[in-house]
Protein backbone atom coordinates (compact mmCIF):
# COMPACT_ATOMS: atom_id res chain seq x y z
CA UNK A 1 -114.00 164.95 31.59
CA UNK A 2 -117.20 166.53 30.60
CA UNK A 3 -120.32 165.06 29.41
CA UNK A 4 -120.03 166.01 25.67
CA UNK A 5 -116.46 164.44 25.35
CA UNK A 6 -117.61 161.15 27.15
CA UNK A 7 -120.54 161.06 24.90
CA UNK A 8 -118.48 161.61 21.73
CA UNK A 9 -116.28 158.75 22.82
CA UNK A 10 -119.05 156.37 23.60
CA UNK A 11 -120.55 157.17 19.99
CA UNK A 12 -117.15 156.84 18.38
CA UNK A 13 -116.76 153.23 20.02
CA UNK A 14 -120.36 152.40 18.93
CA UNK A 15 -119.72 153.50 15.32
CA UNK A 16 -116.54 151.45 15.15
CA UNK A 17 -118.12 148.20 16.16
CA UNK A 18 -121.01 148.63 13.98
CA UNK A 19 -118.60 149.32 11.21
CA UNK A 20 -116.75 146.20 11.86
CA UNK A 21 -119.85 144.19 11.90
CA UNK A 22 -121.22 145.50 8.62
CA UNK A 23 -118.08 145.60 6.59
CA UNK A 24 -118.42 143.23 3.70
CA UNK A 25 -116.03 140.38 3.42
CA UNK A 26 -113.60 140.35 0.57
CA UNK A 27 -114.43 138.29 -2.49
CA UNK A 28 -112.98 134.85 -2.67
CA UNK A 29 -110.14 134.89 -5.00
CA UNK A 30 -111.23 133.20 -8.22
CA UNK A 31 -109.30 130.08 -9.53
CA UNK A 32 -106.96 130.36 -12.49
CA UNK A 33 -108.66 129.49 -15.77
CA UNK A 34 -106.39 127.21 -17.58
CA UNK A 35 -106.04 128.83 -21.21
CA UNK A 36 -105.54 127.05 -24.71
CA UNK A 37 -101.94 125.31 -24.80
CA UNK A 38 -101.75 125.01 -21.14
CA UNK A 39 -101.49 122.20 -18.75
CA UNK A 40 -102.52 123.20 -15.29
CA UNK A 41 -102.27 121.35 -11.95
CA UNK A 42 -104.58 122.49 -9.10
CA UNK A 43 -103.84 122.16 -5.38
CA UNK A 44 -107.66 121.17 -4.79
CA UNK A 45 -110.70 119.29 -6.33
CA UNK A 46 -112.66 121.06 -9.02
CA UNK A 47 -109.96 123.35 -10.36
CA UNK A 48 -109.63 125.34 -7.22
CA UNK A 49 -106.87 126.49 -4.85
CA UNK A 50 -103.43 127.27 -6.14
CA UNK A 51 -102.35 126.53 -9.69
CA UNK A 52 -99.04 125.38 -11.31
CA UNK A 53 -99.04 125.72 -15.07
CA UNK A 54 -96.35 123.44 -16.07
CA UNK A 55 -96.71 122.80 -19.85
CA UNK A 56 -97.57 125.00 -22.86
CA UNK A 57 -97.61 123.82 -26.31
CA UNK A 58 -94.09 125.10 -26.91
CA UNK A 59 -92.44 123.66 -24.02
CA UNK A 60 -90.49 120.39 -23.69
CA UNK A 61 -92.94 118.68 -21.43
CA UNK A 62 -90.56 116.83 -19.16
CA UNK A 63 -90.99 117.68 -15.27
CA UNK A 64 -88.82 115.03 -13.52
CA UNK A 65 -89.21 116.09 -9.93
CA UNK A 66 -92.21 118.12 -8.57
CA UNK A 67 -90.25 118.94 -5.49
CA UNK A 68 -88.51 121.53 -7.90
CA UNK A 69 -91.92 123.37 -8.77
CA UNK A 70 -94.29 125.55 -6.67
CA UNK A 71 -97.92 126.59 -7.13
CA UNK A 72 -98.57 130.34 -7.42
CA UNK A 73 -99.13 130.61 -3.55
CA UNK A 74 -95.52 129.29 -3.09
CA UNK A 75 -96.27 125.71 -1.75
CA UNK A 76 -94.64 122.86 -3.11
CA UNK A 77 -96.06 120.85 -5.97
CA UNK A 78 -94.89 117.48 -4.90
CA UNK A 79 -97.65 114.96 -3.68
CA UNK A 80 -100.32 117.93 -3.49
CA UNK A 81 -102.15 117.79 -6.79
CA UNK A 82 -105.92 117.09 -6.69
CA UNK A 83 -107.16 118.14 -10.17
CA UNK A 84 -105.54 118.81 -13.46
CA UNK A 85 -106.63 120.60 -16.83
CA UNK A 86 -104.99 119.62 -20.27
CA UNK A 87 -105.74 122.27 -22.62
CA UNK A 88 -102.56 121.50 -24.67
CA UNK A 89 -102.48 119.47 -27.98
CA UNK A 90 -100.53 116.77 -26.45
CA UNK A 91 -101.38 113.90 -23.95
CA UNK A 92 -99.06 113.30 -20.90
CA UNK A 93 -98.18 110.55 -18.30
CA UNK A 94 -98.37 111.87 -14.55
CA UNK A 95 -96.49 109.80 -12.21
CA UNK A 96 -96.64 109.15 -8.39
CA UNK A 97 -92.89 108.90 -8.08
CA UNK A 98 -90.05 111.32 -9.35
CA UNK A 99 -88.15 110.50 -12.41
CA UNK A 100 -91.27 109.04 -14.00
CA UNK A 101 -91.35 106.04 -11.70
CA UNK A 102 -87.85 104.94 -13.22
CA UNK A 103 -86.26 104.65 -9.58
CA UNK A 104 -89.46 103.41 -7.80
CA UNK A 105 -92.37 101.54 -8.61
CA UNK A 106 -95.53 103.75 -8.84
CA UNK A 107 -98.66 104.65 -10.28
CA UNK A 108 -99.00 106.31 -13.59
CA UNK A 109 -101.98 107.66 -15.27
CA UNK A 110 -102.34 109.15 -18.93
CA UNK A 111 -104.41 112.47 -19.20
CA UNK A 112 -105.61 112.99 -22.78
CA UNK A 113 -105.47 116.31 -24.68
CA UNK A 114 -108.57 118.41 -23.77
CA UNK A 115 -109.26 116.54 -20.61
CA UNK A 116 -109.88 117.73 -17.23
CA UNK A 117 -110.21 115.73 -14.16
CA UNK A 118 -110.17 115.31 -10.30
CA UNK A 119 -107.68 112.80 -8.92
CA UNK A 120 -109.14 110.44 -6.26
CA UNK A 121 -110.96 107.10 -6.06
CA UNK A 122 -114.29 108.73 -7.06
CA UNK A 123 -113.37 110.04 -10.15
CA UNK A 124 -110.92 107.35 -11.63
CA UNK A 125 -109.66 103.91 -11.22
CA UNK A 126 -106.31 104.95 -9.99
CA UNK A 127 -106.21 107.29 -6.86
CA UNK A 128 -103.69 109.95 -7.81
CA UNK A 129 -104.77 112.56 -5.27
CA UNK A 130 -101.93 114.18 -3.49
CA UNK A 131 -99.55 111.50 -4.92
CA UNK A 132 -98.04 113.16 -8.25
CA UNK A 133 -94.48 113.69 -8.32
CA UNK A 134 -93.49 113.92 -12.09
CA UNK A 135 -94.99 114.64 -15.54
CA UNK A 136 -94.01 113.87 -19.20
CA UNK A 137 -95.61 114.15 -22.42
CA UNK A 138 -95.65 110.94 -24.68
């Protein structure tokens, strides 16, 4: 191997390392913005993480078992909701058990129209973080 090809190889390797170090990281994916008429359930606090849009003003409003629903990232909705936005014109109950707590005693929390909130002991009197299993409009 001559000196010229050896030097070219070293310079190529150095350029690759420098390029890898200075490549800008990809921008974080922005959370879904809940639109008018929708109820959006988010996987994490503060409307972050993946989202499930379960209710629009024109839908029936009964979701008996969250095990049958998924976030946009494909993960199961059951027992994983941390924040909610209600931009629909209806309030709804969110329950800690499937079948609207009719088969088991559980927690229930009313979400008013136009309300957004985090679940957890710091934001409400009932800790529903990662416990929601069904939802029904009143």
